[in-house]
N, C-alpha and C. Protein backbone atom coordinates (compact mmCIF):
# COMPACT_ATOMS: atom_id res chain seq x y z
N MET A 1 0.85 -1.17 0.00
CA MET A 1 0.00 0.00 0.00
C MET A 1 0.89 1.23 0.00
N SER A 2 0.52 2.24 -0.76
CA SER A 2 1.21 3.53 -0.76
C SER A 2 0.39 4.52 0.05
N VAL A 3 1.09 5.33 0.87
CA VAL A 3 0.40 6.28 1.75
C VAL A 3 0.99 7.67 1.53
N LEU A 4 0.12 8.65 1.26
CA LEU A 4 0.53 10.04 1.15
C LEU A 4 0.30 10.68 2.51
N ILE A 5 1.36 11.17 3.11
CA ILE A 5 1.27 11.78 4.43
C ILE A 5 0.72 13.20 4.31
N ASP A 6 -0.36 13.46 5.00
CA ASP A 6 -1.02 14.76 5.00
C ASP A 6 -0.19 15.80 5.75
N THR A 7 -0.36 17.05 5.38
CA THR A 7 0.35 18.15 6.05
C THR A 7 0.08 18.17 7.54
N ASN A 8 -1.14 17.86 7.95
CA ASN A 8 -1.47 17.85 9.37
C ASN A 8 -0.63 16.83 10.14
N ILE A 9 -0.34 15.72 9.54
CA ILE A 9 0.52 14.73 10.19
C ILE A 9 1.92 15.30 10.37
N LEU A 10 2.45 15.95 9.35
CA LEU A 10 3.76 16.58 9.46
C LEU A 10 3.78 17.64 10.55
N LEU A 11 2.74 18.45 10.61
CA LEU A 11 2.67 19.49 11.64
C LEU A 11 2.62 18.89 13.04
N ARG A 12 1.83 17.84 13.23
CA ARG A 12 1.70 17.25 14.56
C ARG A 12 2.98 16.57 14.99
N ILE A 13 3.68 15.93 14.07
CA ILE A 13 4.95 15.29 14.40
C ILE A 13 5.98 16.35 14.80
N ALA A 14 5.92 17.52 14.19
CA ALA A 14 6.88 18.59 14.48
C ALA A 14 6.54 19.36 15.75
N GLN A 15 5.40 19.07 16.36
CA GLN A 15 4.94 19.81 17.53
C GLN A 15 4.74 18.86 18.71
N PRO A 16 5.83 18.54 19.44
CA PRO A 16 5.77 17.54 20.51
C PRO A 16 4.75 17.82 21.62
N SER A 17 4.42 19.07 21.84
CA SER A 17 3.47 19.38 22.92
C SER A 17 2.01 19.27 22.48
N HIS A 18 1.76 19.03 21.22
CA HIS A 18 0.38 18.93 20.72
C HIS A 18 -0.24 17.60 21.16
N ALA A 19 -1.52 17.63 21.45
CA ALA A 19 -2.23 16.43 21.91
C ALA A 19 -2.20 15.30 20.88
N MET A 20 -2.07 15.63 19.61
CA MET A 20 -2.07 14.62 18.56
C MET A 20 -0.66 14.21 18.11
N HIS A 21 0.36 14.69 18.82
CA HIS A 21 1.74 14.34 18.46
C HIS A 21 1.98 12.83 18.57
N ALA A 22 1.63 12.26 19.69
CA ALA A 22 1.88 10.82 19.90
C ALA A 22 1.12 9.96 18.89
N PRO A 23 -0.19 10.19 18.67
CA PRO A 23 -0.89 9.36 17.68
C PRO A 23 -0.32 9.52 16.26
N ALA A 24 0.06 10.74 15.89
CA ALA A 24 0.62 10.96 14.55
C ALA A 24 1.95 10.25 14.41
N THR A 25 2.80 10.38 15.42
CA THR A 25 4.10 9.73 15.40
C THR A 25 3.95 8.21 15.38
N HIS A 26 3.03 7.71 16.18
CA HIS A 26 2.80 6.26 16.24
C HIS A 26 2.30 5.74 14.89
N ALA A 27 1.38 6.47 14.27
CA ALA A 27 0.83 6.04 12.98
C ALA A 27 1.92 5.97 11.92
N LEU A 28 2.75 6.99 11.87
CA LEU A 28 3.84 6.99 10.88
C LEU A 28 4.84 5.88 11.18
N ALA A 29 5.20 5.72 12.45
CA ALA A 29 6.14 4.65 12.82
C ALA A 29 5.59 3.28 12.46
N THR A 30 4.30 3.08 12.67
CA THR A 30 3.67 1.80 12.34
C THR A 30 3.76 1.53 10.84
N LEU A 31 3.45 2.54 10.04
CA LEU A 31 3.54 2.37 8.58
C LEU A 31 4.97 2.03 8.16
N LEU A 32 5.93 2.72 8.74
CA LEU A 32 7.33 2.46 8.37
C LEU A 32 7.78 1.07 8.83
N LYS A 33 7.35 0.64 10.02
CA LYS A 33 7.70 -0.70 10.50
C LYS A 33 7.09 -1.79 9.63
N GLN A 34 5.92 -1.49 9.04
CA GLN A 34 5.26 -2.45 8.16
C GLN A 34 5.82 -2.38 6.74
N ASP A 35 6.86 -1.57 6.58
CA ASP A 35 7.53 -1.42 5.28
C ASP A 35 6.60 -0.89 4.19
N GLU A 36 5.65 -0.04 4.59
CA GLU A 36 4.74 0.57 3.63
C GLU A 36 5.48 1.70 2.90
N ALA A 37 5.04 1.99 1.70
CA ALA A 37 5.60 3.10 0.93
C ALA A 37 4.94 4.38 1.43
N VAL A 38 5.72 5.25 2.05
CA VAL A 38 5.22 6.49 2.63
C VAL A 38 5.76 7.66 1.81
N PHE A 39 4.86 8.54 1.39
CA PHE A 39 5.24 9.66 0.54
C PHE A 39 4.71 10.97 1.10
N PHE A 40 5.39 12.04 0.75
CA PHE A 40 4.85 13.38 0.89
C PHE A 40 5.24 14.11 -0.37
N CYS A 41 4.51 15.15 -0.71
CA CYS A 41 4.74 15.83 -1.98
C CYS A 41 5.12 17.28 -1.76
N ALA A 42 5.47 17.95 -2.83
CA ALA A 42 5.88 19.35 -2.75
C ALA A 42 4.79 20.21 -2.12
N GLN A 43 3.53 19.92 -2.41
CA GLN A 43 2.44 20.70 -1.82
C GLN A 43 2.44 20.56 -0.30
N ASN A 44 2.69 19.35 0.21
CA ASN A 44 2.74 19.15 1.66
C ASN A 44 3.87 19.97 2.28
N ILE A 45 5.01 20.00 1.64
CA ILE A 45 6.15 20.75 2.16
C ILE A 45 5.85 22.25 2.14
N ALA A 46 5.25 22.72 1.05
CA ALA A 46 4.90 24.14 0.94
C ALA A 46 3.87 24.53 2.01
N GLU A 47 2.85 23.70 2.20
CA GLU A 47 1.84 23.97 3.22
C GLU A 47 2.45 23.95 4.61
N PHE A 48 3.31 22.97 4.88
CA PHE A 48 3.97 22.88 6.17
C PHE A 48 4.77 24.15 6.44
N ARG A 49 5.56 24.57 5.48
CA ARG A 49 6.37 25.77 5.65
C ARG A 49 5.50 27.00 5.87
N ARG A 50 4.44 27.12 5.07
CA ARG A 50 3.56 28.27 5.19
C ARG A 50 2.91 28.33 6.57
N LEU A 51 2.44 27.20 7.07
CA LEU A 51 1.79 27.17 8.38
C LEU A 51 2.78 27.32 9.52
N ALA A 52 3.92 26.69 9.39
CA ALA A 52 4.91 26.72 10.47
C ALA A 52 5.55 28.10 10.63
N THR A 53 5.57 28.89 9.57
CA THR A 53 6.21 30.19 9.64
C THR A 53 5.22 31.34 9.73
N ARG A 54 3.93 31.04 9.67
CA ARG A 54 2.92 32.09 9.81
C ARG A 54 2.89 32.53 11.27
N PRO A 55 2.63 33.83 11.54
CA PRO A 55 2.58 34.30 12.92
C PRO A 55 1.53 33.54 13.74
N VAL A 56 1.84 33.30 15.00
CA VAL A 56 0.91 32.59 15.89
C VAL A 56 -0.42 33.32 15.96
N ALA A 57 -0.39 34.65 15.94
CA ALA A 57 -1.63 35.44 15.99
C ALA A 57 -2.53 35.18 14.79
N SER A 58 -1.95 34.66 13.71
CA SER A 58 -2.72 34.34 12.51
C SER A 58 -2.98 32.84 12.41
N ASN A 59 -3.01 32.17 13.56
CA ASN A 59 -3.25 30.73 13.63
C ASN A 59 -2.17 29.93 12.91
N GLY A 60 -0.96 30.37 13.02
CA GLY A 60 0.15 29.68 12.39
C GLY A 60 1.20 29.32 13.41
N GLY A 61 2.35 29.02 12.91
CA GLY A 61 3.46 28.67 13.78
C GLY A 61 3.25 27.32 14.44
N LEU A 62 4.28 26.87 15.08
CA LEU A 62 4.19 25.62 15.82
C LEU A 62 4.00 25.97 17.29
N GLN A 63 2.93 26.74 17.55
CA GLN A 63 2.65 27.23 18.90
C GLN A 63 2.27 26.10 19.83
N GLU A 64 2.38 26.39 21.09
CA GLU A 64 2.00 25.43 22.13
C GLU A 64 0.48 25.29 22.15
N THR A 65 0.01 24.11 22.46
CA THR A 65 -1.42 23.90 22.61
C THR A 65 -1.82 24.23 24.04
N ARG A 66 -3.08 24.51 24.24
CA ARG A 66 -3.55 24.87 25.58
C ARG A 66 -4.50 23.86 26.11
């Protein structure tokens, strides 16, 4: 099976304090352990960069969850 990793998964993995960090990390680790083909595309990278570098006041950045 081939799996395209969504931008939200990338964001959650990059944000250790987020409530969904552990499930996202576990899901990706499980796919990799099962030797699945895991992909991300240029759009995912562009979206990740745009969201990670947007000001926190604009609902961006890798801000802490509350």
